[in-house]
Amino acid sequence: MLCGLAAVGIAVAMAFQEDELISSIAAVTAIVALAAAALTRIADVLQHMARLADKSLSARIALRAFARDPRRPVSAIVIGSVSLALAVGILGTLSSVTAQDRATYVGNRHLDQVGALLYSGSDPRTVEQALAGVLPAGTPIAKGTYPVDEKLLKASPSPALTPSWSIAWLAGSQTDNRKQTIQVVDEKTFTSLTGRTWSAQERKALEDGRILVLDPEYIRGDRVILSKPNGLPTSTDQSETRWAVGGAVRSDPVDATTLTRASACLTTRTAHSLGAKTVDYSVIASPRTSMGPGTTERLTKALEAADIVMADVRIETGPELTPPSLWYLMLGLALAAVETVLGITITSSASEFRPDLVRLHRIGLSPGSLSNVVIWQSITVAVLGIAAGWGLTAARNWPGSTPVVMDWTAIASVLLLTLTLGAAYGALAAPRKIGNTLNRTEN
């Protein structure tokens, strides 16, 4: 019945994925039902674990004692696991929600990218060297390049300030006056722009001199509308020239961040064939990991030496990570709950197990081995509780398509301290003077 309820919960969660409330309730119900079903077979699980632990006498005795009396292991594991599952589940949910915010983030650049605008006329190669000297070795660095009009390029105070060519929505669209930039790309620049490598189809289209359209709203058939300004932003002539170009090709899907930067791209050769000049307006670095502490300060100094002011530097940090203070608070509360519940669970379990320990002492087991038996039982409770916490994290995040991400530093801290506490409680709960325990048991 419990497995059937779990199956219904999973089916409902999948059928109502668009409704986060219903799908979340159904998924959590399924996980709870599966956990309850597992608890009904906990003795079998522990027997299998005991077989795996045959090389260790204390572990084998501890697990088989658990398995022989299902009442004791079920109560101990349920009580101990609940606190651990909640602690790990909360920590996992915090990490996963942060990952979801970063996965769905839409910005002017991809996460962790660093862009240096060349508005002050800085040499792109100097800026590349400055970035390479600060960021980790092997960080991809590419130029951001626009097609521009040659006449306006000569009149512009700085090449990067020259207004670029654009691609426009076709006449008859809902907003046919909307325009978006065109990027000049090669393989490295395309990866910087889109966050992925180009496909064989995209590479062939660009090498064949076609315009690769990233946003489907700007193409009809194989035709696009190009637009170029006729004057600088400071001039009185604010008109533009538009003309249709055939032979354009749709790209593979790109993410929303890419579309905020450009809606089409072409190669330098294609831009020249259309009568445009190309201008480097920025240098973009794409670190594979988040920048470490102090990198921003070193970056500022290096770019200032390359005549780039910080007002022209864009660092795409994205949503903030979970504040450290919240982590410390949650870890403190989790460990306080774990300490309390483990103390109650292990002590009561060891008290019930005391007659068995006396019998084991009679057949020759040393006090140290008896302590290890209780320690193994406490470690079993801790491990099963943490595994249940991972299940709760998955149940909470899966229906909303949230990436399940575990902060392994926090989880490892909980795991290590829980096992340490469990072992310590097990050692304290084991009888110290087995002779006195024997006498009390016989009386």
Protein backbone atom coordinates (compact mmCIF):
# COMPACT_ATOMS: atom_id res chain seq x y z
CA MET A 1 0.00 0.00 0.00
CA LEU A 2 2.79 2.40 0.83
CA CYS A 3 4.57 1.69 -2.47
CA GLY A 4 1.29 2.19 -4.31
CA LEU A 5 0.79 5.53 -2.58
CA ALA A 6 4.33 6.51 -3.56
CA ALA A 7 3.65 5.57 -7.19
CA VAL A 8 0.48 7.69 -7.21
CA GLY A 9 2.42 10.60 -5.70
CA ILE A 10 5.11 10.39 -8.38
CA ALA A 11 2.48 10.20 -11.14
CA VAL A 12 0.63 13.25 -9.80
CA ALA A 13 3.88 15.21 -9.43
CA MET A 14 4.81 14.48 -13.05
CA ALA A 15 1.30 15.25 -14.35
CA PHE A 16 1.13 18.61 -12.54
CA GLN A 17 4.69 19.84 -13.00
CA GLU A 18 3.42 23.28 -13.99
CA ASP A 19 1.65 23.65 -10.62
CA GLU A 20 4.49 23.91 -8.12
CA LEU A 21 2.27 23.53 -5.03
CA ILE A 22 0.51 20.34 -6.16
CA SER A 23 3.65 18.77 -7.58
CA SER A 24 5.66 19.57 -4.43
CA ILE A 25 3.03 18.08 -2.12
CA ALA A 26 2.74 14.97 -4.31
CA ALA A 27 6.51 14.47 -4.49
CA VAL A 28 7.01 14.88 -0.75
CA THR A 29 4.12 12.44 -0.15
CA ALA A 30 5.81 9.93 -2.45
CA ILE A 31 9.14 10.25 -0.64
CA VAL A 32 7.50 9.90 2.80
CA ALA A 33 5.59 6.82 1.62
CA LEU A 34 8.75 5.24 0.24
CA ALA A 35 10.58 6.02 3.48
CA ALA A 36 7.79 4.44 5.50
CA ALA A 37 7.85 1.38 3.24
CA ALA A 38 11.60 1.12 3.75
CA LEU A 39 11.18 1.27 7.52
CA THR A 40 8.87 -1.76 7.41
CA ARG A 41 11.78 -3.70 5.92
CA ILE A 42 14.49 -2.11 8.03
CA ALA A 43 15.42 -5.45 9.61
CA ASP A 44 16.20 -6.91 6.17
CA VAL A 45 18.23 -3.83 5.29
CA LEU A 46 20.24 -4.12 8.49
CA GLN A 47 20.84 -7.83 7.93
CA HIS A 48 22.30 -7.06 4.51
CA MET A 49 24.45 -4.34 6.07
CA ALA A 50 25.60 -6.84 8.67
CA ARG A 51 26.69 -9.26 5.94
CA LEU A 52 28.74 -6.46 4.38
CA ALA A 53 30.31 -5.81 7.79
CA ASP A 54 31.36 -9.44 8.42
CA LYS A 55 35.01 -8.43 8.61
CA SER A 56 34.35 -6.39 11.74
CA LEU A 57 33.04 -8.27 14.78
CA SER A 58 31.62 -5.19 16.52
CA ALA A 59 29.83 -3.95 13.40
CA ARG A 60 28.36 -7.38 12.70
CA ILE A 61 27.04 -7.76 16.24
CA ALA A 62 25.64 -4.21 16.30
CA LEU A 63 23.77 -4.48 13.02
CA ARG A 64 22.46 -7.98 13.60
CA ALA A 65 21.26 -6.99 17.06
CA PHE A 66 19.39 -4.14 15.42
CA ALA A 67 17.94 -6.52 12.84
CA ARG A 68 16.90 -9.15 15.39
CA ASP A 69 14.66 -6.77 17.32
CA PRO A 70 12.91 -4.51 14.77
CA ARG A 71 11.20 -2.42 17.47
CA ARG A 72 14.46 -0.99 18.74
CA PRO A 73 16.07 -0.11 15.39
CA VAL A 74 12.87 1.35 13.95
CA SER A 75 12.29 3.66 16.91
CA ALA A 76 15.96 4.67 17.13
CA ILE A 77 16.38 5.20 13.42
CA VAL A 78 13.13 7.13 13.07
CA ILE A 79 13.93 9.49 15.95
CA GLY A 80 17.55 10.02 14.98
CA SER A 81 16.93 10.20 11.25
CA VAL A 82 14.22 12.84 11.46
CA SER A 83 16.53 15.46 12.95
CA LEU A 84 19.37 14.59 10.59
CA ALA A 85 17.07 14.45 7.57
CA LEU A 86 15.64 17.88 8.35
CA ALA A 87 19.11 19.36 8.89
CA VAL A 88 20.54 17.96 5.67
CA GLY A 89 17.32 18.71 3.78
CA ILE A 90 17.35 22.36 4.80
CA LEU A 91 21.01 22.78 3.88
CA GLY A 92 20.45 21.03 0.55
CA THR A 93 17.41 23.17 -0.22
CA LEU A 94 19.37 26.36 0.48
CA SER A 95 22.07 25.27 -1.94
CA SER A 96 19.56 24.16 -4.58
CA VAL A 97 17.52 27.37 -4.48
CA THR A 98 20.72 29.38 -4.95
CA ALA A 99 21.63 27.13 -7.89
CA GLN A 100 18.19 27.66 -9.39
CA ASP A 101 18.54 31.45 -9.14
CA ARG A 102 21.89 31.28 -10.90
CA ALA A 103 20.67 28.78 -13.53
CA THR A 104 17.70 31.00 -14.48
CA TYR A 105 19.61 34.29 -14.22
CA VAL A 106 19.41 36.55 -17.25
CA GLY A 107 22.03 39.29 -17.46
CA ASN A 108 24.04 41.28 -19.97
CA ARG A 109 26.72 38.60 -19.86
CA HIS A 110 26.99 35.04 -18.70
CA LEU A 111 27.74 34.39 -15.06
CA ASP A 112 31.27 35.22 -13.88
CA GLN A 113 32.22 36.85 -17.19
CA VAL A 114 34.35 40.00 -16.97
CA GLY A 115 33.93 42.65 -19.66
CA ALA A 116 36.23 45.64 -20.16
CA LEU A 117 34.71 48.30 -22.44
CA LEU A 118 37.18 50.06 -24.72
CA TYR A 119 35.40 53.43 -24.70
CA SER A 120 38.58 55.28 -23.72
CA GLY A 121 40.40 53.97 -26.79
CA SER A 122 42.56 51.40 -24.99
CA ASP A 123 44.48 48.87 -27.05
CA PRO A 124 42.62 45.50 -26.96
CA ARG A 125 45.86 43.50 -26.76
CA THR A 126 47.02 45.45 -23.71
CA VAL A 127 43.68 44.84 -22.03
CA GLU A 128 43.85 41.11 -22.84
CA GLN A 129 47.30 40.91 -21.25
CA ALA A 130 46.05 42.75 -18.17
CA LEU A 131 43.14 40.32 -17.74
CA ALA A 132 45.34 37.28 -18.37
CA GLY A 133 47.75 38.45 -15.67
CA VAL A 134 45.02 38.52 -13.00
CA LEU A 135 42.60 35.72 -13.88
CA PRO A 136 43.46 31.99 -13.58
CA ALA A 137 45.74 30.54 -16.24
CA GLY A 138 43.86 29.27 -19.26
CA THR A 139 40.88 31.63 -18.85
CA PRO A 140 39.30 32.16 -22.31
CA ILE A 141 39.59 35.80 -23.38
CA ALA A 142 37.85 37.12 -26.51
CA LYS A 143 37.05 40.46 -28.13
CA GLY A 144 33.56 41.85 -28.53
CA THR A 145 33.37 43.18 -32.10
CA TYR A 146 30.67 45.16 -33.96
CA PRO A 147 30.22 45.99 -37.65
CA VAL A 148 30.17 49.80 -38.13
CA ASP A 149 29.98 52.31 -40.97
CA GLU A 150 33.38 53.50 -42.24
CA LYS A 151 32.32 57.16 -42.44
CA LEU A 152 31.06 57.20 -38.86
CA LEU A 153 34.19 55.36 -37.69
CA LYS A 154 36.37 58.16 -38.98
CA ALA A 155 34.19 60.81 -37.32
CA SER A 156 33.87 59.04 -33.95
CA PRO A 157 35.99 60.27 -31.01
CA SER A 158 36.82 56.65 -30.14
CA PRO A 159 36.38 53.51 -32.28
CA ALA A 160 34.37 51.72 -29.55
CA LEU A 161 31.91 54.64 -29.39
CA THR A 162 30.97 54.29 -33.06
CA PRO A 163 27.28 53.30 -33.38
CA SER A 164 27.05 49.78 -34.74
CA TRP A 165 24.98 48.14 -37.41
CA SER A 166 21.86 46.39 -36.21
CA ILE A 167 19.37 43.78 -37.29
CA ALA A 168 15.72 44.91 -37.28
CA TRP A 169 12.37 43.14 -37.03
CA LEU A 170 10.67 42.77 -40.37
CA ALA A 171 7.86 45.14 -41.34
CA GLY A 172 4.49 43.93 -40.13
CA SER A 173 5.80 42.62 -36.82
CA GLN A 174 4.19 43.81 -33.62
CA THR A 175 7.11 46.14 -32.96
CA ASP A 176 8.75 46.50 -36.36
CA ASN A 177 10.92 49.36 -35.10
CA ARG A 178 12.79 47.13 -32.66
CA LYS A 179 16.49 46.65 -33.34
CA GLN A 180 19.22 44.52 -31.83
CA THR A 181 22.97 44.41 -32.25
CA ILE A 182 25.01 42.16 -34.54
CA GLN A 183 28.19 40.55 -33.30
CA VAL A 184 31.25 39.73 -35.38
CA VAL A 185 32.48 36.31 -34.25
CA ASP A 186 35.04 33.61 -34.67
CA GLU A 187 35.00 30.30 -32.78
CA LYS A 188 36.34 31.75 -29.52
CA THR A 189 34.11 34.84 -29.66
CA PHE A 190 31.04 32.72 -30.44
CA THR A 191 31.67 30.67 -27.29
CA SER A 192 32.04 33.87 -25.24
CA LEU A 193 28.81 35.24 -26.72
CA THR A 194 26.59 32.17 -26.34
CA GLY A 195 28.24 30.22 -23.55
CA ARG A 196 28.57 27.12 -25.75
CA THR A 197 30.56 25.93 -28.75
CA TRP A 198 29.05 26.31 -32.18
CA SER A 199 27.47 23.35 -33.94
CA ALA A 200 28.67 22.03 -37.28
CA GLN A 201 25.68 23.67 -38.97
CA GLU A 202 26.36 27.04 -37.37
CA ARG A 203 30.05 26.91 -38.23
CA LYS A 204 29.31 26.05 -41.88
CA ALA A 205 26.76 28.86 -42.19
CA LEU A 206 29.20 31.44 -40.86
CA GLU A 207 32.08 30.17 -43.00
CA ASP A 208 29.80 30.29 -46.06
CA GLY A 209 29.27 34.01 -45.52
CA ARG A 210 25.76 33.83 -44.12
CA ILE A 211 24.25 35.86 -41.28
CA LEU A 212 23.47 33.56 -38.36
CA VAL A 213 20.28 34.80 -36.70
CA LEU A 214 20.01 33.95 -33.01
CA ASP A 215 16.54 35.40 -32.36
CA PRO A 216 13.82 33.87 -34.59
CA GLU A 217 11.79 37.11 -34.45
CA TYR A 218 14.31 38.78 -36.77
CA ILE A 219 14.17 36.34 -39.68
CA ARG A 220 11.49 35.40 -42.18
CA GLY A 221 12.40 32.61 -44.55
CA ASP A 222 16.06 33.42 -45.21
CA ARG A 223 15.67 37.19 -45.22
CA VAL A 224 16.66 39.73 -42.57
CA ILE A 225 16.63 43.51 -42.38
CA LEU A 226 19.93 45.27 -41.64
CA SER A 227 20.05 48.81 -40.28
CA LYS A 228 22.87 51.34 -40.01
CA PRO A 229 22.76 54.87 -38.55
CA ASN A 230 23.59 57.80 -40.78
CA GLY A 231 25.03 59.99 -38.04
CA LEU A 232 26.72 59.90 -34.67
CA PRO A 233 24.56 60.17 -31.53
CA THR A 234 25.78 63.77 -31.13
CA SER A 235 24.96 64.83 -34.72
CA THR A 236 21.72 66.31 -35.99
CA ASP A 237 21.25 63.48 -38.50
CA GLN A 238 19.55 60.68 -36.56
CA SER A 239 18.17 58.87 -39.61
CA GLU A 240 19.04 55.32 -40.54
CA THR A 241 19.27 53.19 -43.65
CA ARG A 242 17.58 49.81 -43.84
CA TRP A 243 17.88 47.12 -46.49
CA ALA A 244 16.94 43.47 -46.85
CA VAL A 245 19.55 40.73 -47.07
CA GLY A 246 18.86 37.15 -48.17
CA GLY A 247 20.65 33.93 -47.31
CA ALA A 248 20.37 34.25 -43.53
CA VAL A 249 20.22 31.08 -41.40
CA ARG A 250 18.58 30.33 -38.06
CA SER A 251 20.96 29.26 -35.32
CA ASP A 252 20.44 26.49 -32.81
CA PRO A 253 18.59 27.71 -29.69
CA VAL A 254 20.50 30.08 -27.42
CA ASP A 255 19.73 31.22 -23.87
CA ALA A 256 18.10 34.48 -22.83
CA THR A 257 21.39 36.03 -21.71
CA THR A 258 22.81 35.65 -25.21
CA LEU A 259 19.79 37.42 -26.71
CA THR A 260 20.38 40.45 -24.48
CA ARG A 261 23.76 40.92 -26.16
CA ALA A 262 23.02 40.18 -29.83
CA SER A 263 20.36 38.76 -32.12
CA ALA A 264 22.62 37.85 -35.03
CA CYS A 265 26.26 37.24 -35.79
CA LEU A 266 28.56 37.04 -38.78
CA THR A 267 32.24 36.72 -39.56
CA THR A 268 34.68 39.54 -40.29
CA ARG A 269 34.81 38.48 -43.95
CA THR A 270 31.03 38.67 -44.27
CA ALA A 271 30.93 42.09 -42.59
CA HIS A 272 33.49 43.42 -45.06
CA SER A 273 31.56 41.97 -47.99
CA LEU A 274 28.50 43.92 -46.82
CA GLY A 275 30.52 47.15 -46.73
CA ALA A 276 31.08 47.39 -42.98
CA LYS A 277 34.19 47.92 -40.93
CA THR A 278 34.75 46.01 -37.70
CA VAL A 279 35.52 47.60 -34.35
CA ASP A 280 36.53 46.00 -31.04
CA TYR A 281 34.31 47.57 -28.41
CA SER A 282 35.21 45.30 -25.47
CA VAL A 283 37.39 42.47 -24.20
CA ILE A 284 35.55 39.66 -22.42
CA ALA A 285 37.10 37.05 -20.13
CA SER A 286 35.16 33.91 -19.16
CA PRO A 287 36.64 32.38 -15.98
CA ARG A 288 35.59 28.77 -15.48
CA THR A 289 35.04 29.37 -11.75
CA SER A 290 33.99 32.29 -9.60
CA MET A 291 36.74 34.78 -8.88
CA GLY A 292 38.40 34.32 -5.52
CA PRO A 293 38.74 36.95 -2.80
CA GLY A 294 40.95 39.87 -3.72
CA THR A 295 40.63 39.26 -7.47
CA THR A 296 38.45 42.35 -7.98
CA GLU A 297 41.05 44.62 -6.40
CA ARG A 298 43.86 43.12 -8.50
CA LEU A 299 41.65 43.40 -11.58
CA THR A 300 41.00 47.08 -10.89
CA LYS A 301 44.71 47.89 -10.64
CA ALA A 302 45.60 45.89 -13.75
CA LEU A 303 42.90 47.50 -15.91
CA GLU A 304 43.69 51.00 -14.67
CA ALA A 305 47.23 50.42 -15.92
CA ALA A 306 45.65 49.60 -19.32
CA ASP A 307 43.65 52.91 -19.23
CA ILE A 308 40.35 51.18 -18.36
CA VAL A 309 38.44 52.91 -15.58
CA MET A 310 36.26 50.80 -13.30
CA ALA A 311 33.16 52.52 -14.68
CA ASP A 312 33.88 50.66 -17.93
CA VAL A 313 34.30 47.25 -16.27
CA ARG A 314 31.39 44.82 -16.05
CA ILE A 315 31.64 41.79 -13.73
CA GLU A 316 28.64 39.48 -14.03
CA THR A 317 28.38 38.12 -10.51
CA GLY A 318 24.71 37.14 -10.78
CA PRO A 319 22.55 36.36 -7.74
CA GLU A 320 24.38 36.38 -4.44
CA LEU A 321 25.19 33.07 -2.82
CA THR A 322 23.60 32.13 0.46
CA PRO A 323 25.03 34.54 3.08
CA PRO A 324 27.63 32.90 5.35
CA SER A 325 25.70 34.12 8.41
CA LEU A 326 22.67 32.07 7.34
CA TRP A 327 24.89 29.01 6.87
CA TYR A 328 26.33 29.41 10.36
CA LEU A 329 22.87 29.86 11.85
CA MET A 330 21.47 26.78 10.11
CA LEU A 331 24.53 24.69 10.95
CA GLY A 332 24.29 25.75 14.59
CA LEU A 333 20.60 24.90 14.83
CA ALA A 334 21.07 21.63 12.94
CA LEU A 335 23.92 20.49 15.13
CA ALA A 336 22.07 21.48 18.31
CA ALA A 337 19.11 19.36 17.22
CA VAL A 338 21.38 16.50 16.20
CA GLU A 339 23.24 16.62 19.51
CA THR A 340 20.03 16.51 21.54
CA VAL A 341 18.25 13.85 19.54
CA LEU A 342 21.28 11.62 19.14
CA GLY A 343 21.90 11.77 22.87
CA ILE A 344 18.37 10.58 23.62
CA THR A 345 18.34 8.00 20.85
CA ILE A 346 21.71 6.38 21.48
CA THR A 347 21.35 6.37 25.27
CA SER A 348 17.91 4.75 25.19
CA SER A 349 19.01 2.23 22.56
CA ALA A 350 22.10 1.32 24.58
CA SER A 351 20.00 0.93 27.73
CA GLU A 352 17.72 -1.55 25.97
CA PHE A 353 20.76 -3.34 24.59
CA ARG A 354 22.44 -3.63 28.01
CA PRO A 355 21.32 -7.25 28.72
CA ASP A 356 22.75 -8.32 25.37
CA LEU A 357 26.03 -6.60 26.23
CA VAL A 358 26.17 -8.54 29.49
CA ARG A 359 25.73 -11.83 27.66
CA LEU A 360 28.43 -10.83 25.17
CA HIS A 361 30.76 -10.08 28.08
CA ARG A 362 30.10 -13.52 29.53
CA ILE A 363 31.28 -15.20 26.35
CA GLY A 364 34.52 -13.23 26.41
CA LEU A 365 34.11 -9.87 24.57
CA SER A 366 36.23 -7.09 26.01
CA PRO A 367 34.71 -3.79 27.25
CA GLY A 368 36.31 -2.03 24.26
CA SER A 369 34.54 -4.34 21.82
CA LEU A 370 31.24 -3.76 23.62
CA SER A 371 31.70 0.00 23.33
CA ASN A 372 32.35 -0.43 19.61
CA VAL A 373 29.03 -2.27 19.27
CA VAL A 374 27.12 0.75 20.60
CA ILE A 375 29.22 3.12 18.50
CA TRP A 376 28.38 1.17 15.33
CA GLN A 377 24.69 1.42 16.16
CA SER A 378 24.92 5.18 16.61
CA ILE A 379 26.84 5.58 13.34
CA THR A 380 24.15 3.56 11.56
CA VAL A 381 21.48 5.98 12.78
CA ALA A 382 23.55 8.96 11.59
CA VAL A 383 24.24 7.56 8.12
CA LEU A 384 20.62 6.58 7.50
CA GLY A 385 19.45 10.00 8.67
CA ILE A 386 21.75 11.84 6.27
CA ALA A 387 20.63 9.61 3.39
CA ALA A 388 17.01 10.46 4.23
CA GLY A 389 17.93 14.15 4.16
CA TRP A 390 19.19 13.83 0.60
CA GLY A 391 15.86 12.25 -0.31
CA LEU A 392 13.96 15.15 1.24
CA THR A 393 16.11 17.64 -0.67
CA ALA A 394 15.37 15.89 -3.96
CA ALA A 395 11.63 15.72 -3.16
CA ARG A 396 11.52 19.44 -2.37
CA ASN A 397 13.37 20.60 -5.47
CA TRP A 398 12.61 18.11 -8.24
CA PRO A 399 9.00 19.16 -9.04
CA GLY A 400 10.05 22.74 -9.70
CA SER A 401 12.91 21.67 -11.99
CA THR A 402 15.37 23.02 -9.45
CA PRO A 403 18.89 21.61 -9.70
CA VAL A 404 19.58 19.50 -6.62
CA VAL A 405 22.90 20.86 -5.42
CA MET A 406 24.49 19.87 -2.15
CA ASP A 407 26.96 22.23 -0.47
CA TRP A 408 29.49 19.54 0.25
CA THR A 409 31.41 21.65 2.76
CA ALA A 410 28.32 22.13 4.90
CA ILE A 411 27.09 18.56 4.38
CA ALA A 412 30.54 17.15 5.15
CA SER A 413 30.63 19.23 8.34
CA VAL A 414 27.26 17.86 9.42
CA LEU A 415 28.29 14.32 8.47
CA LEU A 416 31.63 14.47 10.29
CA LEU A 417 30.28 16.10 13.43
CA THR A 418 27.24 13.80 13.47
CA LEU A 419 29.37 10.69 13.23
CA THR A 420 31.73 12.06 15.86
CA LEU A 421 28.84 12.87 18.18
CA GLY A 422 27.24 9.50 17.51
CA ALA A 423 30.46 7.67 18.29
CA ALA A 424 31.01 9.77 21.42
CA TYR A 425 27.48 9.11 22.63
CA GLY A 426 27.90 5.44 21.88
CA ALA A 427 31.10 5.31 23.91
CA LEU A 428 29.47 7.15 26.82
CA ALA A 429 26.32 5.03 26.69
CA ALA A 430 28.22 1.72 26.75
CA PRO A 431 28.57 0.21 30.24
CA ARG A 432 31.83 1.24 31.87
CA LYS A 433 32.00 -1.45 34.57
CA ILE A 434 30.53 -4.53 33.03
CA GLY A 435 30.78 -6.43 36.35
CA ASN A 436 28.41 -4.03 38.07
CA THR A 437 26.09 -4.18 35.08
CA LEU A 438 26.14 -7.99 35.28
CA ASN A 439 25.23 -7.95 38.96
CA ARG A 440 22.38 -5.50 38.42
CA THR A 441 21.09 -7.54 35.51
CA GLU A 442 21.14 -10.80 37.49
CA ASN A 443 19.45 -9.19 40.48
